[in-house]
């Protein structure tokens, strides 16, 4: 009888211990590892600075403003008188000349860069062949022209007869566009041109002070 009571007591004790252990396991699984968040972590994340791309700042250009960095306006065809100096001589079938633009206005202006130059059939005629290529021998600078002062660009003309494939046509002179201008001036000087666009007879340097 005594042994039966002891056995029953042991069984009850073991059952109680099993319930206690199972309860602890269920609580540990409910919490899960790493569920606790350190205090202040959310605020630290929200206070991190965010990088933003710098806004692009546009810089004015002569073509958009009509002036240079010094504030002096660019020279325009309407206030320029063209001429040519062909005393530069020639070599190997080429002729060197100066395209001269004189400020005939009442205010100073600036020539900066390369002129656009073409051989044409007349002051308002169509261009013949290719326009002048740029010769980078001279650096681009601000050539400030007071009223009555001039600047020049060195032009090289290659004789059309140097090219056997040239389809020759007589040009009445040169149409010259000042830098950053859509209007032009005309210099009458007759030359033989090539109507073939693939043949380039002309090259021109940037404007220099006269």
Protein backbone atom coordinates (compact mmCIF):
# COMPACT_ATOMS: atom_id res chain seq x y z
CA UNK A 1 0.00 0.00 0.00
CA UNK A 2 2.82 2.33 0.88
CA UNK A 3 4.61 1.51 -2.37
CA UNK A 4 1.51 2.35 -4.36
CA UNK A 5 1.29 5.78 -2.74
CA UNK A 6 4.96 6.49 -3.47
CA UNK A 7 4.53 5.53 -7.11
CA UNK A 8 1.45 7.72 -7.45
CA UNK A 9 3.30 10.64 -5.86
CA UNK A 10 6.24 10.28 -8.27
CA UNK A 11 3.91 10.17 -11.25
CA UNK A 12 2.14 13.35 -10.13
CA UNK A 13 5.46 15.11 -9.57
CA UNK A 14 6.78 14.13 -13.02
CA UNK A 15 3.55 15.22 -14.69
CA UNK A 16 3.72 18.61 -12.97
CA UNK A 17 7.34 19.06 -14.02
CA UNK A 18 6.48 18.19 -17.63
CA UNK A 19 3.68 20.79 -17.69
CA UNK A 20 6.03 23.43 -16.30
CA UNK A 21 8.74 22.70 -18.89
CA UNK A 22 6.25 22.71 -21.77
CA UNK A 23 4.82 26.03 -20.59
CA UNK A 24 8.33 27.56 -20.57
CA UNK A 25 9.05 26.31 -24.08
CA UNK A 26 5.80 27.75 -25.43
CA UNK A 27 6.57 31.16 -23.91
CA UNK A 28 10.11 31.18 -25.40
CA UNK A 29 8.76 30.30 -28.86
CA UNK A 30 6.09 32.99 -28.64
CA UNK A 31 8.69 35.68 -27.93
CA UNK A 32 11.14 34.49 -30.63
CA UNK A 33 14.80 35.41 -30.82
CA UNK A 34 15.80 39.00 -31.55
CA UNK A 35 12.30 40.51 -31.28
CA UNK A 36 13.42 43.18 -28.91
CA UNK A 37 14.36 46.49 -30.57
CA UNK A 38 17.07 48.58 -28.88
CA UNK A 39 15.69 51.84 -27.61
CA UNK A 40 16.42 54.83 -29.84
CA UNK A 41 17.13 52.77 -32.98
CA UNK A 42 14.06 54.07 -34.81
CA UNK A 43 14.90 57.69 -34.04
CA UNK A 44 18.50 57.16 -35.08
CA UNK A 45 17.34 55.83 -38.45
CA UNK A 46 14.97 58.72 -39.04
CA UNK A 47 17.63 61.30 -38.16
CA UNK A 48 20.17 60.06 -40.75
CA UNK A 49 20.83 62.82 -43.35
CA UNK A 50 19.72 62.12 -46.92
CA UNK A 51 21.95 63.14 -49.83
CA UNK A 52 20.44 65.04 -52.72
CA UNK A 53 21.98 65.75 -56.14
CA UNK A 54 23.11 69.37 -56.53
CA UNK A 55 20.85 71.39 -58.74
CA UNK A 56 22.30 72.22 -62.12
CA UNK A 57 23.12 75.88 -62.61
CA UNK A 58 23.05 77.12 -66.17
CA UNK A 59 25.78 79.46 -67.40
CA UNK A 60 25.07 82.14 -69.94
CA UNK A 61 26.70 81.85 -73.35
CA UNK A 62 27.33 84.48 -75.98
CA UNK A 63 24.78 82.87 -78.30
CA UNK A 64 22.02 83.10 -75.67
CA UNK A 65 22.79 86.54 -74.21
CA UNK A 66 24.41 88.44 -77.10
CA UNK A 67 27.15 89.67 -74.75
CA UNK A 68 30.52 88.46 -73.51
CA UNK A 69 31.59 87.90 -69.91
CA UNK A 70 32.82 91.51 -69.77
CA UNK A 71 29.36 92.78 -70.68
CA UNK A 72 30.48 94.19 -74.05
CA UNK A 73 28.02 93.14 -76.77
CA UNK A 74 29.05 90.87 -79.62
CA UNK A 75 29.63 92.51 -82.98
CA UNK A 76 26.77 92.10 -85.42
CA UNK A 77 26.78 92.22 -89.20
CA UNK A 78 24.61 95.36 -89.25
CA UNK A 79 27.39 97.43 -87.62
CA UNK A 80 30.38 95.89 -89.44
CA UNK A 81 32.05 96.97 -92.69
CA UNK A 82 33.87 94.13 -94.50
CA UNK A 83 37.03 94.28 -96.60
CA UNK A 84 39.83 91.96 -97.67
CA UNK A 85 43.63 92.19 -97.77
CA UNK A 86 45.06 89.78 -100.33
CA UNK A 87 48.71 90.78 -99.91
CA UNK A 88 49.45 87.75 -97.76
CA UNK A 89 50.81 85.88 -100.78
CA UNK A 90 50.40 82.22 -101.56
CA UNK A 91 52.17 78.90 -101.85
CA UNK A 92 51.52 75.47 -103.39
CA UNK A 93 48.39 76.61 -105.18
CA UNK A 94 46.94 78.45 -102.16
CA UNK A 95 46.20 82.13 -101.55
CA UNK A 96 46.29 83.70 -98.07
CA UNK A 97 44.23 86.77 -97.30
CA UNK A 98 42.81 88.66 -94.34
CA UNK A 99 39.06 89.00 -93.92
CA UNK A 100 38.70 92.35 -92.17
CA UNK A 101 35.65 93.54 -90.23
CA UNK A 102 35.58 97.17 -89.08
CA UNK A 103 33.24 98.43 -86.38
CA UNK A 104 31.15 101.07 -88.11
CA UNK A 105 28.80 101.48 -85.16
CA UNK A 106 28.83 103.99 -82.30
CA UNK A 107 29.60 101.55 -79.46
CA UNK A 108 32.36 99.02 -78.77
CA UNK A 109 31.70 95.38 -79.61
CA UNK A 110 33.54 92.06 -79.47
CA UNK A 111 34.57 89.61 -82.17
CA UNK A 112 35.18 86.22 -80.57
CA UNK A 113 35.80 83.01 -82.45
CA UNK A 114 35.54 81.92 -86.05
CA UNK A 115 33.59 83.54 -88.86
CA UNK A 116 31.45 81.47 -91.16
CA UNK A 117 32.77 81.86 -94.71
CA UNK A 118 31.45 80.59 -98.05
CA UNK A 119 32.02 81.32 -101.72
CA UNK A 120 28.72 82.53 -103.18
CA UNK A 121 27.19 83.63 -106.46
CA UNK A 122 26.49 87.10 -105.04
CA UNK A 123 25.53 89.13 -101.92
CA UNK A 124 22.24 87.22 -101.60
CA UNK A 125 23.11 84.24 -103.78
CA UNK A 126 23.49 80.61 -102.83
CA UNK A 127 26.78 79.26 -101.45
CA UNK A 128 28.93 77.22 -103.82
CA UNK A 129 30.50 74.07 -102.42
CA UNK A 130 31.65 73.55 -98.83
CA UNK A 131 31.95 76.30 -96.23
CA UNK A 132 35.36 77.13 -94.76
CA UNK A 133 36.86 74.63 -92.33
CA UNK A 134 38.21 75.88 -89.00
CA UNK A 135 41.96 76.30 -88.60
CA UNK A 136 42.84 76.16 -84.88
CA UNK A 137 46.32 77.68 -85.29
CA UNK A 138 45.23 80.89 -83.53
CA UNK A 139 43.58 80.77 -80.07
CA UNK A 140 40.09 82.14 -79.58
CA UNK A 141 40.21 85.47 -77.73
CA UNK A 142 37.98 88.50 -77.14
CA UNK A 143 38.82 91.05 -79.86
CA UNK A 144 37.30 94.30 -78.59
CA UNK A 145 36.55 96.77 -81.37
CA UNK A 146 36.05 100.39 -80.45
CA UNK A 147 34.17 102.41 -83.09
CA UNK A 148 36.35 102.60 -86.18
CA UNK A 149 38.62 99.72 -85.13
CA UNK A 150 38.99 96.42 -87.01
CA UNK A 151 39.71 92.75 -86.45
CA UNK A 152 40.71 90.17 -89.01
CA UNK A 153 40.59 86.43 -89.64
CA UNK A 154 43.21 84.72 -91.78
CA UNK A 155 41.61 82.90 -94.72
CA UNK A 156 43.26 80.33 -96.96
CA UNK A 157 41.84 79.76 -100.43
CA UNK A 158 43.07 76.73 -102.43
CA UNK A 159 42.94 77.01 -106.20
CA UNK A 160 40.07 75.01 -107.64
CA UNK A 161 42.32 73.79 -110.45
CA UNK A 162 44.27 71.70 -107.91
CA UNK A 163 41.38 69.22 -107.82
CA UNK A 164 40.82 67.15 -111.01
CA UNK A 165 37.34 66.11 -109.79
CA UNK A 166 36.27 69.71 -109.13
CA UNK A 167 33.14 70.88 -110.93
CA UNK A 168 34.13 74.50 -111.28
CA UNK A 169 31.78 77.45 -110.96
CA UNK A 170 32.55 81.16 -110.78
CA UNK A 171 31.95 82.76 -107.38
CA UNK A 172 31.35 86.49 -107.07
CA UNK A 173 32.89 86.73 -103.61
CA UNK A 174 32.79 85.65 -99.96
CA UNK A 175 29.80 85.65 -97.66
CA UNK A 176 31.03 86.18 -94.09
CA UNK A 177 29.03 85.52 -90.92
CA UNK A 178 30.43 87.16 -87.76
CA UNK A 179 30.71 84.75 -84.79
CA UNK A 180 27.33 83.95 -83.19
CA UNK A 181 25.41 85.90 -85.85
CA UNK A 182 22.83 84.70 -88.36
CA UNK A 183 23.20 87.77 -90.59
CA UNK A 184 26.12 88.14 -92.99
CA UNK A 185 28.25 90.62 -94.92
CA UNK A 186 29.57 90.22 -98.45
CA UNK A 187 33.10 90.78 -99.81
CA UNK A 188 33.18 90.96 -103.60
CA UNK A 189 36.20 89.07 -104.97
CA UNK A 190 35.85 86.70 -107.88
CA UNK A 191 37.27 83.17 -107.54
CA UNK A 192 36.71 79.78 -109.06
CA UNK A 193 34.78 77.52 -106.70
CA UNK A 194 34.01 73.80 -106.64
CA UNK A 195 30.35 72.92 -106.51
CA UNK A 196 31.34 69.49 -105.16
CA UNK A 197 30.50 69.63 -101.45
CA UNK A 198 33.18 67.02 -100.70
CA UNK A 199 35.95 69.38 -101.89
CA UNK A 200 36.89 72.10 -99.38
CA UNK A 201 38.76 75.05 -100.83
CA UNK A 202 38.61 77.28 -97.75
CA UNK A 203 39.96 77.28 -94.20
CA UNK A 204 39.77 80.16 -91.71
CA UNK A 205 41.35 81.06 -88.36
CA UNK A 206 39.76 82.76 -85.35
CA UNK A 207 39.57 86.56 -85.27
CA UNK A 208 42.62 88.54 -84.16
CA UNK A 209 43.11 92.21 -83.32
CA UNK A 210 43.85 94.31 -86.38
